[in-house]
C-alpha atoms as a PDB file:
ATOM      1  CA  UNK A   1     163.809  43.186  29.244  1.00  0.00           C
ATOM      2  CA  UNK A   2     165.838  45.726  28.225  1.00  0.00           C
ATOM      3  CA  UNK A   3     169.535  44.932  28.331  1.00  0.00           C
ATOM      4  CA  UNK A   4     171.582  46.811  30.691  1.00  0.00           C
ATOM      5  CA  UNK A   5     172.500  49.786  28.660  1.00  0.00           C
ATOM      6  CA  UNK A   6     168.172  50.484  28.323  1.00  0.00           C
ATOM      7  CA  UNK A   7     167.789  49.244  24.640  1.00  0.00           C
ATOM      8  CA  UNK A   8     164.823  46.748  24.070  1.00  0.00           C
ATOM      9  CA  UNK A   9     165.435  43.289  22.465  1.00  0.00           C
ATOM     10  CA  UNK A  10     161.753  43.140  21.027  1.00  0.00           C
ATOM     11  CA  UNK A  11     159.524  46.046  20.219  1.00  0.00           C
ATOM     12  CA  UNK A  12     155.953  45.891  18.807  1.00  0.00           C
ATOM     13  CA  UNK A  13     154.712  48.206  16.616  1.00  0.00           C
ATOM     14  CA  UNK A  14     150.890  48.224  16.909  1.00  0.00           C
ATOM     15  CA  UNK A  15     150.789  51.355  13.267  1.00  0.00           C
ATOM     16  CA  UNK A  16     153.466  49.688  11.145  1.00  0.00           C
ATOM     17  CA  UNK A  17     153.345  52.714   9.368  1.00  0.00           C
ATOM     18  CA  UNK A  18     152.293  56.144  12.094  1.00  0.00           C
ATOM     19  CA  UNK A  19     155.085  57.957  11.444  1.00  0.00           C
ATOM     20  CA  UNK A  20     154.859  58.431  15.449  1.00  0.00           C
ATOM     21  CA  UNK A  21     155.765  55.159  16.063  1.00  0.00           C
ATOM     22  CA  UNK A  22     158.648  54.501  13.486  1.00  0.00           C
ATOM     23  CA  UNK A  23     160.533  57.552  14.979  1.00  0.00           C
ATOM     24  CA  UNK A  24     160.444  55.916  18.863  1.00  0.00           C
ATOM     25  CA  UNK A  25     161.583  52.538  16.940  1.00  0.00           C
ATOM     26  CA  UNK A  26     164.476  54.742  14.973  1.00  0.00           C
ATOM     27  CA  UNK A  27     165.391  55.984  18.820  1.00  0.00           C
ATOM     28  CA  UNK A  28     166.364  52.430  21.349  1.00  0.00           C
ATOM     29  CA  UNK A  29     167.177  51.605  16.723  1.00  0.00           C
ATOM     30  CA  UNK A  30     170.023  54.318  17.678  1.00  0.00           C
ATOM     31  CA  UNK A  31     171.065  51.817  21.315  1.00  0.00           C
ATOM     32  CA  UNK A  32     171.415  49.183  18.855  1.00  0.00           C
ATOM     33  CA  UNK A  33     169.592  46.388  17.437  1.00  0.00           C
ATOM     34  CA  UNK A  34     166.274  44.656  17.936  1.00  0.00           C
ATOM     35  CA  UNK A  35     163.802  42.691  16.906  1.00  0.00           C
ATOM     36  CA  UNK A  36     160.482  45.197  15.279  1.00  0.00           C
ATOM     37  CA  UNK A  37     157.284  43.256  15.248  1.00  0.00           C
ATOM     38  CA  UNK A  38     155.181  45.908  12.641  1.00  0.00           C
ATOM     39  CA  UNK A  39     151.234  45.362  12.860  1.00  0.00           C
ATOM     40  CA  UNK A  40     149.619  46.920   9.956  1.00  0.00           C
ATOM     41  CA  UNK A  41     147.269  45.778   7.107  1.00  0.00           C
ATOM     42  CA  UNK A  42     148.919  44.134   4.835  1.00  0.00           C
ATOM     43  CA  UNK A  43     148.082  45.929   2.050  1.00  0.00           C
ATOM     44  CA  UNK A  44     149.484  48.907   3.124  1.00  0.00           C
ATOM     45  CA  UNK A  45     151.261  50.692   0.629  1.00  0.00           C
ATOM     46  CA  UNK A  46     154.028  52.097   3.205  1.00  0.00           C
ATOM     47  CA  UNK A  47     154.535  48.802   4.993  1.00  0.00           C
ATOM     48  CA  UNK A  48     157.876  47.859   2.745  1.00  0.00           C
ATOM     49  CA  UNK A  49     159.758  51.467   3.245  1.00  0.00           C
ATOM     50  CA  UNK A  50     158.631  51.004   7.126  1.00  0.00           C
ATOM     51  CA  UNK A  51     160.282  47.500   7.078  1.00  0.00           C
ATOM     52  CA  UNK A  52     163.365  48.806   4.413  1.00  0.00           C
ATOM     53  CA  UNK A  53     164.439  51.701   6.799  1.00  0.00           C
ATOM     54  CA  UNK A  54     164.568  49.636   9.879  1.00  0.00           C
ATOM     55  CA  UNK A  55     166.183  46.850   8.970  1.00  0.00           C
ATOM     56  CA  UNK A  56     168.450  49.486   7.410  1.00  0.00           C
ATOM     57  CA  UNK A  57     169.074  50.555  11.240  1.00  0.00           C
ATOM     58  CA  UNK A  58     170.303  47.482  11.968  1.00  0.00           C
ATOM     59  CA  UNK A  59     166.019  45.629  13.519  1.00  0.00           C
ATOM     60  CA  UNK A  60     165.140  42.580  12.977  1.00  0.00           C
ATOM     61  CA  UNK A  61     161.717  43.488  11.113  1.00  0.00           C
ATOM     62  CA  UNK A  62     158.587  41.294  10.622  1.00  0.00           C
ATOM     63  CA  UNK A  63     155.546  42.281   9.056  1.00  0.00           C
ATOM     64  CA  UNK A  64     151.517  41.070  10.080  1.00  0.00           C
ATOM     65  CA  UNK A  65     148.717  40.743   8.912  1.00  0.00           C
ATOM     66  CA  UNK A  66     146.564  43.521  11.701  1.00  0.00           C
ATOM     67  CA  UNK A  67     142.958  46.301  11.004  1.00  0.00           C
ATOM     68  CA  UNK A  68     142.584  47.724  13.723  1.00  0.00           C
ATOM     69  CA  UNK A  69     139.002  48.181  13.796  1.00  0.00           C
ATOM     70  CA  UNK A  70     138.535  44.061  13.378  1.00  0.00           C
ATOM     71  CA  UNK A  71     138.504  43.189  17.042  1.00  0.00           C
ATOM     72  CA  UNK A  72     138.208  39.244  16.842  1.00  0.00           C
ATOM     73  CA  UNK A  73     141.512  39.591  14.539  1.00  0.00           C
ATOM     74  CA  UNK A  74     143.262  40.926  17.847  1.00  0.00           C
ATOM     75  CA  UNK A  75     144.210  38.360  20.141  1.00  0.00           C
ATOM     76  CA  UNK A  76     145.879  36.568  16.864  1.00  0.00           C
ATOM     77  CA  UNK A  77     147.877  39.345  15.828  1.00  0.00           C
ATOM     78  CA  UNK A  78     149.304  39.561  19.750  1.00  0.00           C
ATOM     79  CA  UNK A  79     150.089  36.085  19.932  1.00  0.00           C
ATOM     80  CA  UNK A  80     151.831  35.968  16.182  1.00  0.00           C
ATOM     81  CA  UNK A  81     153.743  38.827  17.981  1.00  0.00           C
ATOM     82  CA  UNK A  82     154.693  36.749  21.008  1.00  0.00           C
ATOM     83  CA  UNK A  83     155.700  33.754  18.940  1.00  0.00           C
ATOM     84  CA  UNK A  84     158.798  36.566  18.446  1.00  0.00           C
ATOM     85  CA  UNK A  85     159.440  35.566  22.916  1.00  0.00           C
ATOM     86  CA  UNK A  86     158.887  38.084  24.864  1.00  0.00           C
ATOM     87  CA  UNK A  87     158.044  41.757  23.830  1.00  0.00           C
ATOM     88  CA  UNK A  88     160.005  44.628  26.335  1.00  0.00           C
ATOM     89  CA  UNK A  89     157.968  47.205  24.001  1.00  0.00           C
ATOM     90  CA  UNK A  90     154.273  47.860  22.840  1.00  0.00           C
ATOM     91  CA  UNK A  91     153.362  50.742  20.855  1.00  0.00           C
ATOM     92  CA  UNK A  92     149.880  51.851  20.685  1.00  0.00           C
ATOM     93  CA  UNK A  93     150.056  54.335  17.374  1.00  0.00           C
ATOM     94  CA  UNK A  94     146.749  54.243  15.425  1.00  0.00           C
ATOM     95  CA  UNK A  95     144.468  56.452  14.816  1.00  0.00           C
ATOM     96  CA  UNK A  96     143.004  59.165  12.743  1.00  0.00           C
ATOM     97  CA  UNK A  97     142.274  62.567  12.773  1.00  0.00           C
ATOM     98  CA  UNK A  98     139.243  63.094  10.344  1.00  0.00           C
ATOM     99  CA  UNK A  99     137.028  66.568   8.909  1.00  0.00           C
ATOM    100  CA  UNK A 100     135.876  67.040  12.439  1.00  0.00           C
ATOM    101  CA  UNK A 101     132.982  69.090  11.858  1.00  0.00           C
ATOM    102  CA  UNK A 102     131.113  66.118   8.888  1.00  0.00           C
ATOM    103  CA  UNK A 103     132.042  63.773  11.927  1.00  0.00           C
ATOM    104  CA  UNK A 104     129.496  64.815  13.753  1.00  0.00           C
ATOM    105  CA  UNK A 105     127.328  65.216  12.058  1.00  0.00           C
ATOM    106  CA  UNK A 106     127.730  61.914  10.129  1.00  0.00           C
ATOM    107  CA  UNK A 107     126.532  58.407  12.111  1.00  0.00           C
ATOM    108  CA  UNK A 108     128.582  56.485  10.043  1.00  0.00           C
ATOM    109  CA  UNK A 109     131.824  57.906  10.175  1.00  0.00           C
ATOM    110  CA  UNK A 110     131.727  59.236  13.729  1.00  0.00           C
ATOM    111  CA  UNK A 111     131.281  55.854  15.055  1.00  0.00           C
ATOM    112  CA  UNK A 112     134.217  54.677  12.853  1.00  0.00           C
ATOM    113  CA  UNK A 113     136.516  56.908  14.323  1.00  0.00           C
ATOM    114  CA  UNK A 114     135.213  55.772  17.660  1.00  0.00           C
ATOM    115  CA  UNK A 115     136.077  52.889  16.615  1.00  0.00           C
ATOM    116  CA  UNK A 116     139.402  53.418  15.365  1.00  0.00           C
ATOM    117  CA  UNK A 117     140.330  55.484  18.147  1.00  0.00           C
ATOM    118  CA  UNK A 118     139.332  53.648  20.958  1.00  0.00           C
ATOM    119  CA  UNK A 119     137.545  50.884  20.464  1.00  0.00           C
ATOM    120  CA  UNK A 120     140.848  49.590  18.985  1.00  0.00           C
ATOM    121  CA  UNK A 121     142.604  50.590  21.655  1.00  0.00           C
ATOM    122  CA  UNK A 122     140.514  49.512  24.158  1.00  0.00           C
ATOM    123  CA  UNK A 123     140.865  45.457  22.889  1.00  0.00           C
ATOM    124  CA  UNK A 124     144.149  45.993  22.339  1.00  0.00           C
ATOM    125  CA  UNK A 125     145.521  47.424  25.502  1.00  0.00           C
ATOM    126  CA  UNK A 126     143.242  44.162  27.524  1.00  0.00           C
ATOM    127  CA  UNK A 127     144.806  41.902  25.499  1.00  0.00           C
ATOM    128  CA  UNK A 128     148.105  43.599  26.275  1.00  0.00           C
ATOM    129  CA  UNK A 129     147.635  43.803  29.873  1.00  0.00           C
ATOM    130  CA  UNK A 130     147.778  39.916  30.356  1.00  0.00           C
ATOM    131  CA  UNK A 131     150.097  39.426  28.295  1.00  0.00           C
ATOM    132  CA  UNK A 132     152.569  41.910  29.822  1.00  0.00           C
ATOM    133  CA  UNK A 133     151.566  41.056  32.653  1.00  0.00           C
ATOM    134  CA  UNK A 134     152.006  37.372  32.546  1.00  0.00           C
ATOM    135  CA  UNK A 135     156.361  38.423  31.530  1.00  0.00           C
ATOM    136  CA  UNK A 136     156.253  40.404  34.301  1.00  0.00           C
ATOM    137  CA  UNK A 137     157.956  43.319  32.705  1.00  0.00           C
ATOM    138  CA  UNK A 138     158.169  45.545  29.750  1.00  0.00           C
ATOM    139  CA  UNK A 139     155.998  48.726  29.231  1.00  0.00           C
ATOM    140  CA  UNK A 140     152.713  49.938  26.569  1.00  0.00           C
ATOM    141  CA  UNK A 141     152.881  52.730  25.636  1.00  0.00           C
ATOM    142  CA  UNK A 142     149.767  54.428  24.429  1.00  0.00           C
ATOM    143  CA  UNK A 143     149.811  57.725  22.506  1.00  0.00           C
ATOM    144  CA  UNK A 144     147.372  59.522  23.341  1.00  0.00           C
ATOM    145  CA  UNK A 145     146.870  63.573  23.082  1.00  0.00           C
ATOM    146  CA  UNK A 146     146.307  66.379  24.172  1.00  0.00           C
ATOM    147  CA  UNK A 147     143.494  66.868  22.458  1.00  0.00           C
ATOM    148  CA  UNK A 148     141.989  64.927  24.631  1.00  0.00           C
ATOM    149  CA  UNK A 149     142.978  66.482  28.583  1.00  0.00           C
ATOM    150  CA  UNK A 150     139.753  69.696  27.807  1.00  0.00           C
ATOM    151  CA  UNK A 151     137.787  68.616  24.733  1.00  0.00           C
ATOM    152  CA  UNK A 152     136.865  71.258  22.305  1.00  0.00           C
ATOM    153  CA  UNK A 153     134.423  72.286  19.934  1.00  0.00           C
ATOM    154  CA  UNK A 154     136.505  72.096  17.759  1.00  0.00           C
ATOM    155  CA  UNK A 155     137.349  68.478  17.592  1.00  0.00           C
ATOM    156  CA  UNK A 156     135.460  67.071  19.689  1.00  0.00           C
ATOM    157  CA  UNK A 157     134.980  63.971  18.067  1.00  0.00           C
ATOM    158  CA  UNK A 158     138.559  63.113  18.370  1.00  0.00           C
ATOM    159  CA  UNK A 159     138.539  64.716  21.347  1.00  0.00           C
ATOM    160  CA  UNK A 160     136.405  62.264  23.377  1.00  0.00           C
ATOM    161  CA  UNK A 161     138.294  59.522  21.487  1.00  0.00           C
ATOM    162  CA  UNK A 162     141.658  60.970  23.197  1.00  0.00           C
ATOM    163  CA  UNK A 163     139.978  61.731  26.861  1.00  0.00           C
ATOM    164  CA  UNK A 164     139.015  57.846  27.279  1.00  0.00           C
ATOM    165  CA  UNK A 165     141.736  56.554  25.789  1.00  0.00           C
ATOM    166  CA  UNK A 166     144.183  58.541  28.290  1.00  0.00           C
ATOM    167  CA  UNK A 167     141.560  57.582  30.977  1.00  0.00           C
ATOM    168  CA  UNK A 168     142.013  53.334  30.661  1.00  0.00           C
ATOM    169  CA  UNK A 169     145.751  53.814  29.021  1.00  0.00           C
ATOM    170  CA  UNK A 170     146.163  55.714  32.746  1.00  0.00           C
ATOM    171  CA  UNK A 171     144.444  52.882  34.765  1.00  0.00           C
ATOM    172  CA  UNK A 172     145.042  49.817  33.286  1.00  0.00           C
ATOM    173  CA  UNK A 173     149.127  51.307  34.768  1.00  0.00           C
ATOM    174  CA  UNK A 174     147.344  51.289  38.038  1.00  0.00           C
ATOM    175  CA  UNK A 175     145.676  48.021  37.008  1.00  0.00           C
ATOM    176  CA  UNK A 176     149.170  46.365  36.495  1.00  0.00           C
ATOM    177  CA  UNK A 177     151.245  47.879  38.873  1.00  0.00           C
ATOM    178  CA  UNK A 178     153.371  45.468  41.324  1.00  0.00           C
ATOM    179  CA  UNK A 179     153.119  42.920  37.873  1.00  0.00           C
ATOM    180  CA  UNK A 180     156.436  44.343  37.231  1.00  0.00           C
ATOM    181  CA  UNK A 181     154.758  45.420  33.523  1.00  0.00           C
ATOM    182  CA  UNK A 182     154.011  49.283  33.061  1.00  0.00           C
ATOM    183  CA  UNK A 183     152.615  51.361  30.197  1.00  0.00           C
ATOM    184  CA  UNK A 184     153.231  55.144  29.775  1.00  0.00           C
ATOM    185  CA  UNK A 185     150.849  57.758  28.473  1.00  0.00           C
ATOM    186  CA  UNK A 186     152.178  59.751  25.952  1.00  0.00           C
ATOM    187  CA  UNK A 187     150.282  63.329  25.480  1.00  0.00           C
ATOM    188  CA  UNK A 188     152.560  65.079  22.239  1.00  0.00           C
ATOM    189  CA  UNK A 189     150.377  67.567  21.592  1.00  0.00           C
ATOM    190  CA  UNK A 190     150.376  68.542  17.234  1.00  0.00           C
ATOM    191  CA  UNK A 191     153.107  66.581  15.733  1.00  0.00           C
ATOM    192  CA  UNK A 192     154.807  67.260  12.229  1.00  0.00           C
ATOM    193  CA  UNK A 193     153.069  63.810  10.151  1.00  0.00           C
ATOM    194  CA  UNK A 194     151.702  63.676   6.658  1.00  0.00           C
ATOM    195  CA  UNK A 195     148.341  63.830   9.317  1.00  0.00           C
ATOM    196  CA  UNK A 196     148.821  66.858  10.583  1.00  0.00           C
ATOM    197  CA  UNK A 197     149.973  68.711   7.596  1.00  0.00           C
ATOM    198  CA  UNK A 198     146.324  70.050   6.608  1.00  0.00           C
ATOM    199  CA  UNK A 199     145.726  70.722   9.769  1.00  0.00           C
ATOM    200  CA  UNK A 200     147.875  74.603   9.839  1.00  0.00           C
ATOM    201  CA  UNK A 201     150.805  75.054  12.309  1.00  0.00           C
ATOM    202  CA  UNK A 202     148.721  74.999  16.041  1.00  0.00           C
ATOM    203  CA  UNK A 203     151.579  76.888  19.557  1.00  0.00           C
ATOM    204  CA  UNK A 204     153.709  74.027  20.431  1.00  0.00           C
ATOM    205  CA  UNK A 205     154.007  72.540  18.188  1.00  0.00           C
ATOM    206  CA  UNK A 206     156.834  69.423  18.054  1.00  0.00           C
ATOM    207  CA  UNK A 207     158.601  67.085  15.554  1.00  0.00           C
ATOM    208  CA  UNK A 208     158.553  62.855  15.698  1.00  0.00           C
ATOM    209  CA  UNK A 209     161.822  63.182  16.644  1.00  0.00           C
ATOM    210  CA  UNK A 210     160.655  65.598  20.001  1.00  0.00           C
ATOM    211  CA  UNK A 211     158.649  62.290  20.382  1.00  0.00           C
ATOM    212  CA  UNK A 212     160.954  59.951  20.103  1.00  0.00           C
ATOM    213  CA  UNK A 213     163.053  61.280  22.651  1.00  0.00           C
ATOM    214  CA  UNK A 214     161.037  61.649  25.212  1.00  0.00           C
ATOM    215  CA  UNK A 215     159.106  58.731  24.940  1.00  0.00           C
ATOM    216  CA  UNK A 216     162.406  56.501  25.062  1.00  0.00           C
ATOM    217  CA  UNK A 217     163.369  59.452  28.021  1.00  0.00           C
ATOM    218  CA  UNK A 218     160.379  58.093  29.222  1.00  0.00           C
ATOM    219  CA  UNK A 219     160.192  54.584  29.154  1.00  0.00           C
ATOM    220  CA  UNK A 220     163.658  54.473  30.858  1.00  0.00           C
ATOM    221  CA  UNK A 221     162.583  56.379  34.210  1.00  0.00           C
ATOM    222  CA  UNK A 222     159.087  54.356  34.153  1.00  0.00           C
ATOM    223  CA  UNK A 223     157.359  57.407  34.137  1.00  0.00           C
ATOM    224  CA  UNK A 224     153.516  57.515  33.504  1.00  0.00           C
ATOM    225  CA  UNK A 225     152.469  59.828  31.513  1.00  0.00           C
ATOM    226  CA  UNK A 226     154.118  63.089  29.774  1.00  0.00           C
ATOM    227  CA  UNK A 227     153.391  65.818  27.787  1.00  0.00           C
ATOM    228  CA  UNK A 228     155.498  65.863  25.538  1.00  0.00           C
ATOM    229  CA  UNK A 229     156.356  70.053  24.977  1.00  0.00           C
ATOM    230  CA  UNK A 230     156.813  70.628  28.919  1.00  0.00           C
ATOM    231  CA  UNK A 231     154.412  73.790  28.679  1.00  0.00           C
ATOM    232  CA  UNK A 232     151.307  71.415  27.774  1.00  0.00           C
ATOM    233  CA  UNK A 233     151.083  70.659  31.285  1.00  0.00           C
ATOM    234  CA  UNK A 234     150.671  74.261  32.897  1.00  0.00           C
ATOM    235  CA  UNK A 235     148.551  74.835  29.596  1.00  0.00           C
ATOM    236  CA  UNK A 236     146.110  71.764  30.727  1.00  0.00           C
ATOM    237  CA  UNK A 237     145.477  72.242  33.890  1.00  0.00           C
ATOM    238  CA  UNK A 238     144.466  75.783  33.509  1.00  0.00           C
ATOM    239  CA  UNK A 239     141.911  74.015  31.160  1.00  0.00           C
ATOM    240  CA  UNK A 240     140.664  72.204  33.637  1.00  0.00           C
ATOM    241  CA  UNK A 241     139.381  75.670  35.534  1.00  0.00           C
ATOM    242  CA  UNK A 242     138.059  77.741  33.201  1.00  0.00           C
ATOM    243  CA  UNK A 243     134.946  77.379  32.940  1.00  0.00           C
ATOM    244  CA  UNK A 244     132.914  75.878  29.252  1.00  0.00           C
ATOM    245  CA  UNK A 245     130.972  79.766  28.889  1.00  0.00           C
ATOM    246  CA  UNK A 246     134.878  81.387  29.019  1.00  0.00           C
ATOM    247  CA  UNK A 247     136.572  77.775  26.865  1.00  0.00           C
ATOM    248  CA  UNK A 248     133.742  78.253  24.131  1.00  0.00           C
ATOM    249  CA  UNK A 249     135.700  81.952  23.016  1.00  0.00           C
ATOM    250  CA  UNK A 250     138.993  80.878  22.802  1.00  0.00           C
ATOM    251  CA  UNK A 251     140.201  80.999  19.501  1.00  0.00           C
ATOM    252  CA  UNK A 252     140.338  77.555  19.071  1.00  0.00           C
END
């Protein structure tokens, strides 16, 4: 349970090498030490650095093996995380972008993308929802995307998955209402990370610390969803009312 100064005692990061996920964890560690469970592939080349960085920040870090698309293993992953005690904050922060033009023309790769970006978060959301309901407190953080608010031709395979993630976790929060557990959906827009580096700079791009600060603030306030850049709330609302015949001509 969050302590008197809003510090999480145990944080679970699913996608243990995610730059954004680690940024959120570090933002919490600025408030004080905590147990951190990193769920990532055992052979990830970045997991040792992630563990070392968090340990240097005062975290008691444990790593558990996690494969997002090995759905049968998800119950055991969640069980292992709870062996360290109740989880105050669970962050779902994995995903892939891929070549969007290739994805809609390659059935196998499109399915793989959807499994990672949509099916896996739903699988974990169901499991986490039950655990948080049982313990009666804590927040599930789902990293969604502005791309899911109005799916665009330029990245519609990715955007469609994020639209599904957004809808699922908003309503998981509704299903958990009154249980003491909460769900926060975070819509960052483009973030300056290794994953987005090849995409070039987009309007209203933010940095990892921007996402981290906004997320921790929203958790402490019990907010249901946030746009990291405040202008995106108005942009996304406007997009909903643009007819498709006009929307398809916009330069993005």
